[in-house]
PDB file of all heavy atoms in Angstrom:
ATOM      1  N   ARG A   1      96.479 112.490 121.311  1.00  0.00           N
ATOM      2  CA  ARG A   1      97.608 113.316 121.759  1.00  0.00           C
ATOM      3  C   ARG A   1      97.665 113.502 123.284  1.00  0.00           C
ATOM      4  O   ARG A   1      98.730 113.329 123.887  1.00  0.00           O
ATOM      5  CB  ARG A   1      97.557 114.678 121.056  1.00  0.00           C
ATOM      6  CG  ARG A   1      98.798 115.523 121.280  1.00  0.00           C
ATOM      7  CD  ARG A   1      98.639 116.880 120.602  1.00  0.00           C
ATOM      8  NE  ARG A   1      98.466 116.768 119.165  1.00  0.00           N
ATOM      9  CZ  ARG A   1      99.471 116.745 118.297  1.00  0.00           C
ATOM     10  NH1 ARG A   1     100.710 116.812 118.739  1.00  0.00           N
ATOM     11  NH2 ARG A   1      99.236 116.659 117.011  1.00  0.00           N
ATOM     12  N   PRO A   2      96.565 113.828 123.975  1.00  0.00           N
ATOM     13  CA  PRO A   2      96.652 114.025 125.423  1.00  0.00           C
ATOM     14  C   PRO A   2      96.997 112.740 126.187  1.00  0.00           C
ATOM     15  O   PRO A   2      97.522 112.799 127.292  1.00  0.00           O
ATOM     16  CB  PRO A   2      95.248 114.506 125.805  1.00  0.00           C
ATOM     17  CG  PRO A   2      94.646 114.994 124.546  1.00  0.00           C
ATOM     18  CD  PRO A   2      95.220 114.134 123.468  1.00  0.00           C
ATOM     19  N   ILE A   3      96.686 111.590 125.593  1.00  0.00           N
ATOM     20  CA  ILE A   3      96.892 110.324 126.290  1.00  0.00           C
ATOM     21  C   ILE A   3      98.297 109.781 126.064  1.00  0.00           C
ATOM     22  O   ILE A   3      98.963 109.338 127.000  1.00  0.00           O
ATOM     23  CB  ILE A   3      95.853 109.279 125.819  1.00  0.00           C
ATOM     24  CG1 ILE A   3      94.437 109.829 126.041  1.00  0.00           C
ATOM     25  CG2 ILE A   3      96.036 107.947 126.539  1.00  0.00           C
ATOM     26  CD1 ILE A   3      93.358 108.983 125.406  1.00  0.00           C
ATOM     27  N   ALA A   4      98.753 109.799 124.827  1.00  0.00           N
ATOM     28  CA  ALA A   4     100.040 109.167 124.508  1.00  0.00           C
ATOM     29  C   ALA A   4     101.032 110.133 123.884  1.00  0.00           C
ATOM     30  O   ALA A   4     102.079 109.714 123.408  1.00  0.00           O
ATOM     31  CB  ALA A   4      99.810 107.985 123.571  1.00  0.00           C
ATOM     32  N   GLY A   5     100.719 111.420 123.858  1.00  0.00           N
ATOM     33  CA  GLY A   5     101.654 112.384 123.312  1.00  0.00           C
ATOM     34  C   GLY A   5     101.609 112.434 121.799  1.00  0.00           C
ATOM     35  O   GLY A   5     100.840 111.732 121.149  1.00  0.00           O
ATOM     36  N   PRO A   6     102.474 113.278 121.216  1.00  0.00           N
ATOM     37  CA  PRO A   6     102.448 113.491 119.759  1.00  0.00           C
ATOM     38  C   PRO A   6     102.823 112.257 118.951  1.00  0.00           C
ATOM     39  O   PRO A   6     102.454 112.147 117.792  1.00  0.00           O
ATOM     40  CB  PRO A   6     103.468 114.616 119.553  1.00  0.00           C
ATOM     41  CG  PRO A   6     104.388 114.516 120.732  1.00  0.00           C
ATOM     42  CD  PRO A   6     103.529 114.075 121.866  1.00  0.00           C
ATOM     43  N   TYR A   7     103.581 111.333 119.573  1.00  0.00           N
ATOM     44  CA  TYR A   7     104.037 110.176 118.801  1.00  0.00           C
ATOM     45  C   TYR A   7     102.884 109.264 118.390  1.00  0.00           C
ATOM     46  O   TYR A   7     102.872 108.723 117.287  1.00  0.00           O
ATOM     47  CB  TYR A   7     105.089 109.393 119.585  1.00  0.00           C
ATOM     48  CG  TYR A   7     106.351 110.178 119.806  1.00  0.00           C
ATOM     49  CD1 TYR A   7     106.682 110.672 121.062  1.00  0.00           C
ATOM     50  CD2 TYR A   7     107.198 110.457 118.740  1.00  0.00           C
ATOM     51  CE1 TYR A   7     107.832 111.414 121.259  1.00  0.00           C
ATOM     52  CE2 TYR A   7     108.359 111.207 118.920  1.00  0.00           C
ATOM     53  CZ  TYR A   7     108.669 111.672 120.190  1.00  0.00           C
ATOM     54  OH  TYR A   7     109.798 112.419 120.365  1.00  0.00           O
ATOM     55  N   ALA A   8     101.904 109.081 119.264  1.00  0.00           N
ATOM     56  CA  ALA A   8     100.765 108.237 118.913  1.00  0.00           C
ATOM     57  C   ALA A   8      99.997 108.849 117.746  1.00  0.00           C
ATOM     58  O   ALA A   8      99.603 108.155 116.803  1.00  0.00           O
ATOM     59  CB  ALA A   8      99.843 108.052 120.109  1.00  0.00           C
ATOM     60  N   THR A   9      99.786 110.168 117.794  1.00  0.00           N
ATOM     61  CA  THR A   9      99.096 110.849 116.704  1.00  0.00           C
ATOM     62  C   THR A   9      99.879 110.708 115.409  1.00  0.00           C
ATOM     63  O   THR A   9      99.327 110.426 114.338  1.00  0.00           O
ATOM     64  CB  THR A   9      98.922 112.341 117.029  1.00  0.00           C
ATOM     65  OG1 THR A   9      98.241 112.463 118.273  1.00  0.00           O
ATOM     66  CG2 THR A   9      98.136 113.056 115.936  1.00  0.00           C
ATOM     67  N   LEU A  10     101.206 110.914 115.506  1.00  0.00           N
ATOM     68  CA  LEU A  10     102.071 110.819 114.328  1.00  0.00           C
ATOM     69  C   LEU A  10     102.036 109.411 113.747  1.00  0.00           C
ATOM     70  O   LEU A  10     101.829 109.224 112.543  1.00  0.00           O
ATOM     71  CB  LEU A  10     103.500 111.207 114.709  1.00  0.00           C
ATOM     72  CG  LEU A  10     104.532 111.116 113.573  1.00  0.00           C
ATOM     73  CD1 LEU A  10     104.201 112.135 112.485  1.00  0.00           C
ATOM     74  CD2 LEU A  10     105.937 111.344 114.121  1.00  0.00           C
ATOM     75  N   PHE A  11     102.220 108.404 114.611  1.00  0.00           N
ATOM     76  CA  PHE A  11     102.240 107.022 114.135  1.00  0.00           C
ATOM     77  C   PHE A  11     100.899 106.636 113.513  1.00  0.00           C
ATOM     78  O   PHE A  11     100.841 105.992 112.466  1.00  0.00           O
ATOM     79  CB  PHE A  11     102.574 106.066 115.288  1.00  0.00           C
ATOM     80  CG  PHE A  11     104.026 105.991 115.625  1.00  0.00           C
ATOM     81  CD1 PHE A  11     104.466 106.073 116.941  1.00  0.00           C
ATOM     82  CD2 PHE A  11     104.978 105.833 114.627  1.00  0.00           C
ATOM     83  CE1 PHE A  11     105.807 105.999 117.260  1.00  0.00           C
ATOM     84  CE2 PHE A  11     106.330 105.763 114.934  1.00  0.00           C
ATOM     85  CZ  PHE A  11     106.751 105.844 116.251  1.00  0.00           C
ATOM     86  N   PHE A  12      99.820 107.025 114.171  1.00  0.00           N
ATOM     87  CA  PHE A  12      98.500 106.644 113.675  1.00  0.00           C
ATOM     88  C   PHE A  12      98.217 107.302 112.326  1.00  0.00           C
ATOM     89  O   PHE A  12      97.674 106.670 111.411  1.00  0.00           O
ATOM     90  CB  PHE A  12      97.412 107.028 114.687  1.00  0.00           C
ATOM     91  CG  PHE A  12      96.152 106.236 114.526  1.00  0.00           C
ATOM     92  CD1 PHE A  12      95.963 105.047 115.209  1.00  0.00           C
ATOM     93  CD2 PHE A  12      95.149 106.665 113.672  1.00  0.00           C
ATOM     94  CE1 PHE A  12      94.805 104.295 115.048  1.00  0.00           C
ATOM     95  CE2 PHE A  12      93.979 105.930 113.508  1.00  0.00           C
ATOM     96  CZ  PHE A  12      93.817 104.738 114.201  1.00  0.00           C
ATOM     97  N   SER A  13      98.586 108.558 112.192  1.00  0.00           N
ATOM     98  CA  SER A  13      98.338 109.272 110.935  1.00  0.00           C
ATOM     99  C   SER A  13      99.193 108.726 109.799  1.00  0.00           C
ATOM    100  O   SER A  13      98.728 108.623 108.653  1.00  0.00           O
ATOM    101  CB  SER A  13      98.606 110.770 111.125  1.00  0.00           C
ATOM    102  OG  SER A  13      97.751 111.308 112.101  1.00  0.00           O
ATOM    103  N   ILE A  14     100.444 108.381 110.086  1.00  0.00           N
ATOM    104  CA  ILE A  14     101.303 107.760 109.068  1.00  0.00           C
ATOM    105  C   ILE A  14     100.716 106.420 108.645  1.00  0.00           C
ATOM    106  O   ILE A  14     100.680 106.081 107.458  1.00  0.00           O
ATOM    107  CB  ILE A  14     102.742 107.578 109.605  1.00  0.00           C
ATOM    108  CG1 ILE A  14     103.427 108.940 109.744  1.00  0.00           C
ATOM    109  CG2 ILE A  14     103.555 106.665 108.678  1.00  0.00           C
ATOM    110  CD1 ILE A  14     104.781 108.882 110.417  1.00  0.00           C
ATOM    111  N   GLY A  15     100.244 105.661 109.632  1.00  0.00           N
ATOM    112  CA  GLY A  15      99.628 104.374 109.322  1.00  0.00           C
ATOM    113  C   GLY A  15      98.389 104.533 108.461  1.00  0.00           C
ATOM    114  O   GLY A  15      98.159 103.749 107.532  1.00  0.00           O
ATOM    115  N   LEU A  16      97.587 105.558 108.740  1.00  0.00           N
ATOM    116  CA  LEU A  16      96.377 105.809 107.959  1.00  0.00           C
ATOM    117  C   LEU A  16      96.745 106.181 106.523  1.00  0.00           C
ATOM    118  O   LEU A  16      96.114 105.708 105.566  1.00  0.00           O
ATOM    119  CB  LEU A  16      95.560 106.933 108.596  1.00  0.00           C
ATOM    120  CG  LEU A  16      94.280 107.343 107.864  1.00  0.00           C
ATOM    121  CD1 LEU A  16      93.336 106.154 107.715  1.00  0.00           C
ATOM    122  CD2 LEU A  16      93.587 108.477 108.612  1.00  0.00           C
ATOM    123  N   PHE A  17      97.793 106.998 106.356  1.00  0.00           N
ATOM    124  CA  PHE A  17      98.254 107.331 105.006  1.00  0.00           C
ATOM    125  C   PHE A  17      98.704 106.075 104.262  1.00  0.00           C
ATOM    126  O   PHE A  17      98.331 105.854 103.101  1.00  0.00           O
ATOM    127  CB  PHE A  17      99.418 108.329 105.067  1.00  0.00           C
ATOM    128  CG  PHE A  17     100.329 108.233 103.874  1.00  0.00           C
ATOM    129  CD1 PHE A  17      99.881 108.636 102.614  1.00  0.00           C
ATOM    130  CD2 PHE A  17     101.606 107.696 103.994  1.00  0.00           C
ATOM    131  CE1 PHE A  17     100.712 108.511 101.497  1.00  0.00           C
ATOM    132  CE2 PHE A  17     102.436 107.567 102.892  1.00  0.00           C
ATOM    133  CZ  PHE A  17     101.990 107.983 101.641  1.00  0.00           C
ATOM    134  N   ALA A  18      99.519 105.238 104.939  1.00  0.00           N
ATOM    135  CA  ALA A  18     100.016 104.015 104.297  1.00  0.00           C
ATOM    136  C   ALA A  18      98.860 103.098 103.919  1.00  0.00           C
ATOM    137  O   ALA A  18      98.865 102.477 102.846  1.00  0.00           O
ATOM    138  CB  ALA A  18     100.992 103.286 105.219  1.00  0.00           C
ATOM    139  N   ALA A  19      97.850 103.006 104.786  1.00  0.00           N
ATOM    140  CA  ALA A  19      96.675 102.175 104.496  1.00  0.00           C
ATOM    141  C   ALA A  19      95.946 102.683 103.256  1.00  0.00           C
ATOM    142  O   ALA A  19      95.535 101.895 102.395  1.00  0.00           O
ATOM    143  CB  ALA A  19      95.735 102.171 105.702  1.00  0.00           C
ATOM    144  N   GLY A  20      95.788 104.004 103.170  1.00  0.00           N
ATOM    145  CA  GLY A  20      95.107 104.569 102.015  1.00  0.00           C
ATOM    146  C   GLY A  20      95.896 104.403 100.735  1.00  0.00           C
ATOM    147  O   GLY A  20      95.351 104.022  99.694  1.00  0.00           O
ATOM    148  N   PHE A  21      97.198 104.645 100.805  1.00  0.00           N
ATOM    149  CA  PHE A  21      98.020 104.581  99.587  1.00  0.00           C
ATOM    150  C   PHE A  21      98.147 103.156  99.060  1.00  0.00           C
ATOM    151  O   PHE A  21      98.054 102.927  97.850  1.00  0.00           O
ATOM    152  CB  PHE A  21      99.408 105.164  99.845  1.00  0.00           C
ATOM    153  CG  PHE A  21     100.263 105.202  98.598  1.00  0.00           C
ATOM    154  CD1 PHE A  21     100.112 106.239  97.694  1.00  0.00           C
ATOM    155  CD2 PHE A  21     101.177 104.204  98.329  1.00  0.00           C
ATOM    156  CE1 PHE A  21     100.878 106.274  96.526  1.00  0.00           C
ATOM    157  CE2 PHE A  21     101.945 104.225  97.180  1.00  0.00           C
ATOM    158  CZ  PHE A  21     101.794 105.269  96.271  1.00  0.00           C
ATOM    159  N   THR A  22      98.383 102.196  99.954  1.00  0.00           N
ATOM    160  CA  THR A  22      98.525 100.812  99.481  1.00  0.00           C
ATOM    161  C   THR A  22      97.243 100.319  98.838  1.00  0.00           C
ATOM    162  O   THR A  22      97.267  99.678  97.778  1.00  0.00           O
ATOM    163  CB  THR A  22      98.915  99.861 100.629  1.00  0.00           C
ATOM    164  OG1 THR A  22      97.975 100.007 101.716  1.00  0.00           O
ATOM    165  CG2 THR A  22     100.310 100.143 101.149  1.00  0.00           C
ATOM    166  N   SER A  23      96.107 100.639  99.449  1.00  0.00           N
ATOM    167  CA  SER A  23      94.830 100.213  98.876  1.00  0.00           C
ATOM    168  C   SER A  23      94.518 100.985  97.597  1.00  0.00           C
ATOM    169  O   SER A  23      93.901 100.448  96.677  1.00  0.00           O
ATOM    170  CB  SER A  23      93.701 100.392  99.896  1.00  0.00           C
ATOM    171  OG  SER A  23      93.894  99.548 101.007  1.00  0.00           O
ATOM    172  N   ALA A  24      94.951 102.240  97.526  1.00  0.00           N
ATOM    173  CA  ALA A  24      94.734 103.046  96.327  1.00  0.00           C
ATOM    174  C   ALA A  24      95.523 102.495  95.145  1.00  0.00           C
ATOM    175  O   ALA A  24      95.168 102.731  93.986  1.00  0.00           O
ATOM    176  CB  ALA A  24      95.130 104.500  96.582  1.00  0.00           C
ATOM    177  N   THR A  25      96.583 101.759  95.429  1.00  0.00           N
ATOM    178  CA  THR A  25      97.392 101.142  94.366  1.00  0.00           C
ATOM    179  C   THR A  25      96.878  99.758  94.004  1.00  0.00           C
ATOM    180  O   THR A  25      96.817  99.391  92.826  1.00  0.00           O
ATOM    181  CB  THR A  25      98.864 101.042  94.805  1.00  0.00           C
ATOM    182  OG1 THR A  25      99.324 102.335  95.221  1.00  0.00           O
ATOM    183  CG2 THR A  25      99.743 100.542  93.672  1.00  0.00           C
ATOM    184  N   THR A  26      96.491  98.967  95.007  1.00  0.00           N
ATOM    185  CA  THR A  26      96.095  97.588  94.740  1.00  0.00           C
ATOM    186  C   THR A  26      94.688  97.465  94.164  1.00  0.00           C
ATOM    187  O   THR A  26      94.420  96.548  93.373  1.00  0.00           O
ATOM    188  CB  THR A  26      96.183  96.738  96.018  1.00  0.00           C
ATOM    189  OG1 THR A  26      95.499  97.398  97.092  1.00  0.00           O
ATOM    190  CG2 THR A  26      97.625  96.501  96.422  1.00  0.00           C
ATOM    191  N   ALA A  27      93.768  98.355  94.519  1.00  0.00           N
ATOM    192  CA  ALA A  27      92.400  98.265  93.995  1.00  0.00           C
ATOM    193  C   ALA A  27      92.356  98.410  92.464  1.00  0.00           C
ATOM    194  O   ALA A  27      91.732  97.590  91.783  1.00  0.00           O
ATOM    195  CB  ALA A  27      91.489  99.291  94.663  1.00  0.00           C
ATOM    196  N   PRO A  28      93.016  99.423  91.881  1.00  0.00           N
ATOM    197  CA  PRO A  28      93.033  99.511  90.414  1.00  0.00           C
ATOM    198  C   PRO A  28      93.722  98.302  89.773  1.00  0.00           C
ATOM    199  O   PRO A  28      93.307  97.830  88.711  1.00  0.00           O
ATOM    200  CB  PRO A  28      93.827 100.791  90.141  1.00  0.00           C
ATOM    201  CG  PRO A  28      93.712 101.593  91.379  1.00  0.00           C
ATOM    202  CD  PRO A  28      93.674 100.596  92.498  1.00  0.00           C
ATOM    203  N   LEU A  29      94.790  97.817  90.422  1.00  0.00           N
ATOM    204  CA  LEU A  29      95.505  96.659  89.887  1.00  0.00           C
ATOM    205  C   LEU A  29      94.610  95.428  89.874  1.00  0.00           C
ATOM    206  O   LEU A  29      94.566  94.675  88.897  1.00  0.00           O
ATOM    207  CB  LEU A  29      96.757  96.402  90.733  1.00  0.00           C
ATOM    208  CG  LEU A  29      97.772  95.378  90.212  1.00  0.00           C
ATOM    209  CD1 LEU A  29      98.288  95.791  88.834  1.00  0.00           C
ATOM    210  CD2 LEU A  29      98.929  95.237  91.194  1.00  0.00           C
ATOM    211  N   ALA A  30      93.861  95.222  90.957  1.00  0.00           N
ATOM    212  CA  ALA A  30      92.934  94.087  91.033  1.00  0.00           C
ATOM    213  C   ALA A  30      91.849  94.206  89.973  1.00  0.00           C
ATOM    214  O   ALA A  30      91.486  93.220  89.315  1.00  0.00           O
ATOM    215  CB  ALA A  30      92.306  94.018  92.421  1.00  0.00           C
ATOM    216  N   GLY A  31      91.311  95.411  89.800  1.00  0.00           N
ATOM    217  CA  GLY A  31      90.289  95.626  88.784  1.00  0.00           C
ATOM    218  C   GLY A  31      90.799  95.327  87.391  1.00  0.00           C
ATOM    219  O   GLY A  31      90.083  94.746  86.557  1.00  0.00           O
ATOM    220  N   ALA A  32      92.044  95.706  87.115  1.00  0.00           N
ATOM    221  CA  ALA A  32      92.630  95.456  85.800  1.00  0.00           C
ATOM    222  C   ALA A  32      92.857  93.964  85.572  1.00  0.00           C
ATOM    223  O   ALA A  32      92.583  93.445  84.486  1.00  0.00           O
ATOM    224  CB  ALA A  32      93.950  96.220  85.671  1.00  0.00           C
ATOM    225  N   TYR A  33      93.355  93.260  86.594  1.00  0.00           N
ATOM    226  CA  TYR A  33      93.564  91.818  86.463  1.00  0.00           C
ATOM    227  C   TYR A  33      92.242  91.091  86.209  1.00  0.00           C
ATOM    228  O   TYR A  33      92.144  90.200  85.363  1.00  0.00           O
ATOM    229  CB  TYR A  33      94.204  91.253  87.734  1.00  0.00           C
ATOM    230  CG  TYR A  33      95.707  91.315  87.770  1.00  0.00           C
ATOM    231  CD1 TYR A  33      96.385  91.849  88.871  1.00  0.00           C
ATOM    232  CD2 TYR A  33      96.476  90.809  86.729  1.00  0.00           C
ATOM    233  CE1 TYR A  33      97.771  91.904  88.929  1.00  0.00           C
ATOM    234  CE2 TYR A  33      97.865  90.860  86.772  1.00  0.00           C
ATOM    235  CZ  TYR A  33      98.508  91.407  87.872  1.00  0.00           C
ATOM    236  OH  TYR A  33      99.875  91.449  87.923  1.00  0.00           O
TER     237      TYR A  33
END
């Protein structure tokens, strides 16, 4: 936040959520296959 403002924090946190959710969906699917 101090370096790039609130947008960097926002973008990074959204990206972290997307990373967690996509993997949370694909890991069970891979295990089932």
